[in-house]
Amino acid sequence: MIKTNELKGIIVKNGYTQKQVAERIGITPKTFYEKMKRGVFGSDEIEIMIEMLNISNPSEIFFAKE
C-alpha cells in the first residue's frame, strides 16, 4: 500500500505537479489520479518516481504496511 499523502507532499516539495509526474512516468493525469486513489503503481512507474523525486526511503512510501 502506498502512502499517497506522503507521496503528494514529496511531489509538491520537489516543485512538481501530479500532472508533471504523470507525464514523466508515461500515463495520463486521470490515470495517475486513479492510481493514487487505489494506492497502486507499477514497478517501472515507482522506479521513475523514486529517481525524479529524489526519494531516499522508497520502501516507507511505496511498500508501507497498513
N, C-alpha and C. Protein backbone atom coordinates (compact mmCIF):
# COMPACT_ATOMS: atom_id res chain seq x y z
N MET A 1 0.84 -1.18 0.00
CA MET A 1 0.00 0.00 0.00
C MET A 1 0.89 1.25 0.00
N ILE A 2 0.57 2.16 -0.85
CA ILE A 2 1.34 3.40 -0.98
C ILE A 2 0.78 4.47 -0.05
N LYS A 3 1.67 5.18 0.61
CA LYS A 3 1.26 6.31 1.44
C LYS A 3 1.08 7.52 0.51
N THR A 4 -0.13 7.66 -0.02
CA THR A 4 -0.39 8.67 -1.03
C THR A 4 -0.24 10.09 -0.51
N ASN A 5 -0.61 10.33 0.73
CA ASN A 5 -0.47 11.69 1.27
C ASN A 5 1.00 12.09 1.35
N GLU A 6 1.85 11.17 1.76
CA GLU A 6 3.28 11.46 1.81
C GLU A 6 3.84 11.67 0.41
N LEU A 7 3.39 10.85 -0.54
CA LEU A 7 3.84 10.99 -1.91
C LEU A 7 3.43 12.35 -2.48
N LYS A 8 2.19 12.76 -2.21
CA LYS A 8 1.73 14.08 -2.67
C LYS A 8 2.61 15.18 -2.09
N GLY A 9 2.97 15.07 -0.81
CA GLY A 9 3.83 16.06 -0.17
C GLY A 9 5.21 16.12 -0.81
N ILE A 10 5.76 14.97 -1.15
CA ILE A 10 7.08 14.91 -1.79
C ILE A 10 7.02 15.53 -3.19
N ILE A 11 5.93 15.29 -3.89
CA ILE A 11 5.77 15.87 -5.23
C ILE A 11 5.79 17.40 -5.12
N VAL A 12 5.03 17.94 -4.20
CA VAL A 12 4.96 19.40 -4.01
C VAL A 12 6.31 19.95 -3.55
N LYS A 13 6.93 19.25 -2.59
CA LYS A 13 8.23 19.70 -2.05
C LYS A 13 9.28 19.81 -3.15
N ASN A 14 9.19 18.95 -4.15
CA ASN A 14 10.14 18.96 -5.26
C ASN A 14 9.74 19.93 -6.37
N GLY A 15 8.64 20.64 -6.18
CA GLY A 15 8.22 21.66 -7.14
C GLY A 15 7.52 21.12 -8.37
N TYR A 16 6.96 19.94 -8.26
CA TYR A 16 6.24 19.35 -9.39
C TYR A 16 4.74 19.33 -9.11
N THR A 17 3.97 19.12 -10.16
CA THR A 17 2.55 18.85 -10.01
C THR A 17 2.33 17.36 -10.27
N GLN A 18 1.19 16.87 -9.85
CA GLN A 18 0.88 15.47 -10.12
C GLN A 18 0.79 15.24 -11.63
N LYS A 19 0.33 16.24 -12.36
CA LYS A 19 0.26 16.13 -13.82
C LYS A 19 1.65 15.93 -14.42
N GLN A 20 2.64 16.68 -13.92
CA GLN A 20 4.01 16.55 -14.42
C GLN A 20 4.58 15.16 -14.12
N VAL A 21 4.29 14.65 -12.93
CA VAL A 21 4.76 13.31 -12.57
C VAL A 21 4.11 12.27 -13.48
N ALA A 22 2.80 12.43 -13.71
CA ALA A 22 2.09 11.50 -14.60
C ALA A 22 2.72 11.48 -15.98
N GLU A 23 2.99 12.66 -16.52
CA GLU A 23 3.60 12.74 -17.85
C GLU A 23 4.98 12.09 -17.88
N ARG A 24 5.75 12.28 -16.82
CA ARG A 24 7.10 11.70 -16.76
C ARG A 24 7.05 10.18 -16.73
N ILE A 25 6.05 9.62 -16.03
CA ILE A 25 6.00 8.15 -15.96
C ILE A 25 5.20 7.55 -17.12
N GLY A 26 4.69 8.42 -18.00
CA GLY A 26 4.08 7.93 -19.23
C GLY A 26 2.61 7.55 -19.13
N ILE A 27 1.88 8.18 -18.20
CA ILE A 27 0.44 7.92 -18.11
C ILE A 27 -0.29 9.25 -18.11
N THR A 28 -1.58 9.20 -18.32
CA THR A 28 -2.37 10.44 -18.31
C THR A 28 -2.58 10.90 -16.87
N PRO A 29 -2.82 12.19 -16.68
CA PRO A 29 -3.12 12.67 -15.32
C PRO A 29 -4.31 11.94 -14.70
N LYS A 30 -5.33 11.65 -15.51
CA LYS A 30 -6.51 10.93 -15.00
C LYS A 30 -6.11 9.56 -14.46
N THR A 31 -5.26 8.85 -15.21
CA THR A 31 -4.79 7.53 -14.76
C THR A 31 -3.97 7.67 -13.49
N PHE A 32 -3.13 8.72 -13.44
CA PHE A 32 -2.32 8.95 -12.24
C PHE A 32 -3.21 9.14 -11.02
N TYR A 33 -4.24 9.97 -11.14
CA TYR A 33 -5.15 10.22 -10.02
C TYR A 33 -5.85 8.94 -9.58
N GLU A 34 -6.25 8.12 -10.57
CA GLU A 34 -6.89 6.84 -10.24
C GLU A 34 -5.93 5.91 -9.50
N LYS A 35 -4.68 5.87 -9.95
CA LYS A 35 -3.68 5.02 -9.29
C LYS A 35 -3.39 5.53 -7.88
N MET A 36 -3.39 6.85 -7.71
CA MET A 36 -3.19 7.42 -6.37
C MET A 36 -4.36 7.03 -5.47
N LYS A 37 -5.55 7.07 -6.01
CA LYS A 37 -6.74 6.72 -5.23
C LYS A 37 -6.69 5.27 -4.78
N ARG A 38 -6.26 4.39 -5.69
CA ARG A 38 -6.15 2.97 -5.36
C ARG A 38 -4.89 2.65 -4.58
N GLY A 39 -3.88 3.53 -4.69
CA GLY A 39 -2.62 3.28 -3.99
C GLY A 39 -1.78 2.20 -4.66
N VAL A 40 -1.88 2.10 -6.00
CA VAL A 40 -1.17 1.05 -6.71
C VAL A 40 -0.48 1.62 -7.95
N PHE A 41 0.83 1.39 -8.03
CA PHE A 41 1.61 1.77 -9.21
C PHE A 41 2.47 0.59 -9.63
N GLY A 42 2.82 0.54 -10.90
CA GLY A 42 3.70 -0.50 -11.41
C GLY A 42 5.13 -0.23 -10.97
N SER A 43 5.96 -1.27 -10.99
CA SER A 43 7.34 -1.13 -10.54
C SER A 43 8.13 -0.14 -11.39
N ASP A 44 7.88 -0.09 -12.70
CA ASP A 44 8.57 0.88 -13.55
C ASP A 44 8.18 2.31 -13.18
N GLU A 45 6.90 2.50 -12.90
CA GLU A 45 6.41 3.83 -12.51
C GLU A 45 7.03 4.26 -11.18
N ILE A 46 7.09 3.33 -10.25
CA ILE A 46 7.69 3.63 -8.94
C ILE A 46 9.16 3.99 -9.10
N GLU A 47 9.85 3.24 -9.92
CA GLU A 47 11.28 3.49 -10.14
C GLU A 47 11.52 4.91 -10.69
N ILE A 48 10.70 5.32 -11.64
CA ILE A 48 10.83 6.66 -12.21
C ILE A 48 10.54 7.72 -11.16
N MET A 49 9.50 7.51 -10.35
CA MET A 49 9.16 8.50 -9.31
C MET A 49 10.26 8.60 -8.26
N ILE A 50 10.86 7.48 -7.89
CA ILE A 50 11.95 7.49 -6.91
C ILE A 50 13.09 8.37 -7.40
N GLU A 51 13.45 8.18 -8.67
CA GLU A 51 14.54 8.96 -9.25
C GLU A 51 14.15 10.42 -9.44
N MET A 52 12.98 10.66 -10.00
CA MET A 52 12.52 12.02 -10.29
C MET A 52 12.38 12.86 -9.03
N LEU A 53 11.87 12.25 -7.96
CA LEU A 53 11.57 12.98 -6.74
C LEU A 53 12.65 12.84 -5.67
N ASN A 54 13.76 12.20 -6.03
CA ASN A 54 14.87 12.00 -5.09
C ASN A 54 14.40 11.41 -3.76
N ILE A 55 13.67 10.33 -3.84
CA ILE A 55 13.13 9.69 -2.64
C ILE A 55 14.19 8.77 -2.05
N SER A 56 14.64 9.11 -0.85
CA SER A 56 15.72 8.33 -0.23
C SER A 56 15.21 7.11 0.54
N ASN A 57 13.93 7.09 0.88
CA ASN A 57 13.38 5.97 1.65
C ASN A 57 12.14 5.40 0.95
N PRO A 58 12.31 4.89 -0.27
CA PRO A 58 11.14 4.45 -1.05
C PRO A 58 10.30 3.37 -0.39
N SER A 59 10.91 2.49 0.36
CA SER A 59 10.12 1.41 0.95
C SER A 59 9.11 1.94 1.97
N GLU A 60 9.42 3.05 2.63
CA GLU A 60 8.49 3.63 3.60
C GLU A 60 7.27 4.24 2.93
N ILE A 61 7.40 4.63 1.67
CA ILE A 61 6.29 5.27 0.97
C ILE A 61 5.56 4.28 0.06
N PHE A 62 6.31 3.52 -0.74
CA PHE A 62 5.70 2.66 -1.74
C PHE A 62 5.36 1.26 -1.25
N PHE A 63 5.96 0.84 -0.16
CA PHE A 63 5.71 -0.52 0.31
C PHE A 63 5.32 -0.52 1.78
N ALA A 64 4.54 0.47 2.15
CA ALA A 64 4.13 0.62 3.56
C ALA A 64 3.12 -0.45 3.92
N LYS A 65 3.20 -0.88 5.15
CA LYS A 65 2.20 -1.82 5.68
C LYS A 65 1.06 -0.97 6.26
N GLU A 66 -0.14 -1.49 6.12
CA GLU A 66 -1.30 -0.72 6.60
C GLU A 66 -1.29 -0.58 8.10
